[in-house]
Every structure is written in C-alpha cells, then in structure tokens.
Amino acid sequence: MSESSQVPQQCRHVAVEPEHHHLRIEQGPVPSPGRGEVLIKVHSAGINRADLLQRKGHYPPPEDASPILGLEVAGTVQALGQDSGSWQIGDRICALTHGGGYAEYAVAPIGQCLPIPTGFSKAEAAALPE
C-alpha cells in the first residue's frame, strides 16, 4: 500500500453457509490494495443476479476472485495501492469489485471505479457499476 488513512486489521463480512445457503457475519482480514487498486470503506453494496446465484451455489467465483459475495459497492477511498491514478483518500466512489463487496472494506481496480455522481446517495451509487 502506498498511502492509507486509518485502516483496521480486521473487518466484518457476509459469509454464506455452504450447506444451507444461510448468511452470517464473520471477521476476516481487511484486504490490501495492489498495484492499480484502491481500498474502499464500503457504505453500501448492490445486490445483483450473480450474487444471488453465488449464494445458492450456482455461480462459483473465479479462482482469483474473493470468495466473499458482492460485486458492486459505494463508499469512500480509504487506501491507495501503487499506481492508483488520480484517486485520493476520502474520495466518494462506486466500483465494480472482483468479489468481496459484502464487507466493511473491499478492493477494486481503478479501471472499474467511478466517482459518485452529484445528487446520488451512496446507496443509489452502489447500483451503478454493474
């Protein structure tokens, strides 16, 4: 991470019980943004068809994706990986993640990030990326 604000070591995320497809809250490490990525403090997450299918076990995430549900998020930039473009800590952002959006913190590639449009709430913006 090249630059960050106060980021905890652990955060909560939504996990799926594989046998019953029930959701529960678990603790896990906060992901670190890699080159060309930002860490987002998630305020809202979108729910889309892929999330619903993954929860039922019909859409396994790609091997390189987070096993945590959630492809769309909105929040604020909390940390920057190397080569993170013009994003700054504290920017209001919405993004298409590679999984991991149903968590307090998620990473996203900068090419899949958008500024939250003026007049949009974070809840509304979470539905934009997909």
Foldseek 3Di string as FASTA:
>chain_A
DPWFDDDDQKWKFWDADQVPLDIDIDMDGADDEAAQKFKFQFPAFDDDPLLVCVSNVNHQQPPPADRGAGFKTWGFTGTDHHNNPPHDGGFTKIFGASHDNRIRMGMHGSVGMDGQDPPDDRHRRRPPRD
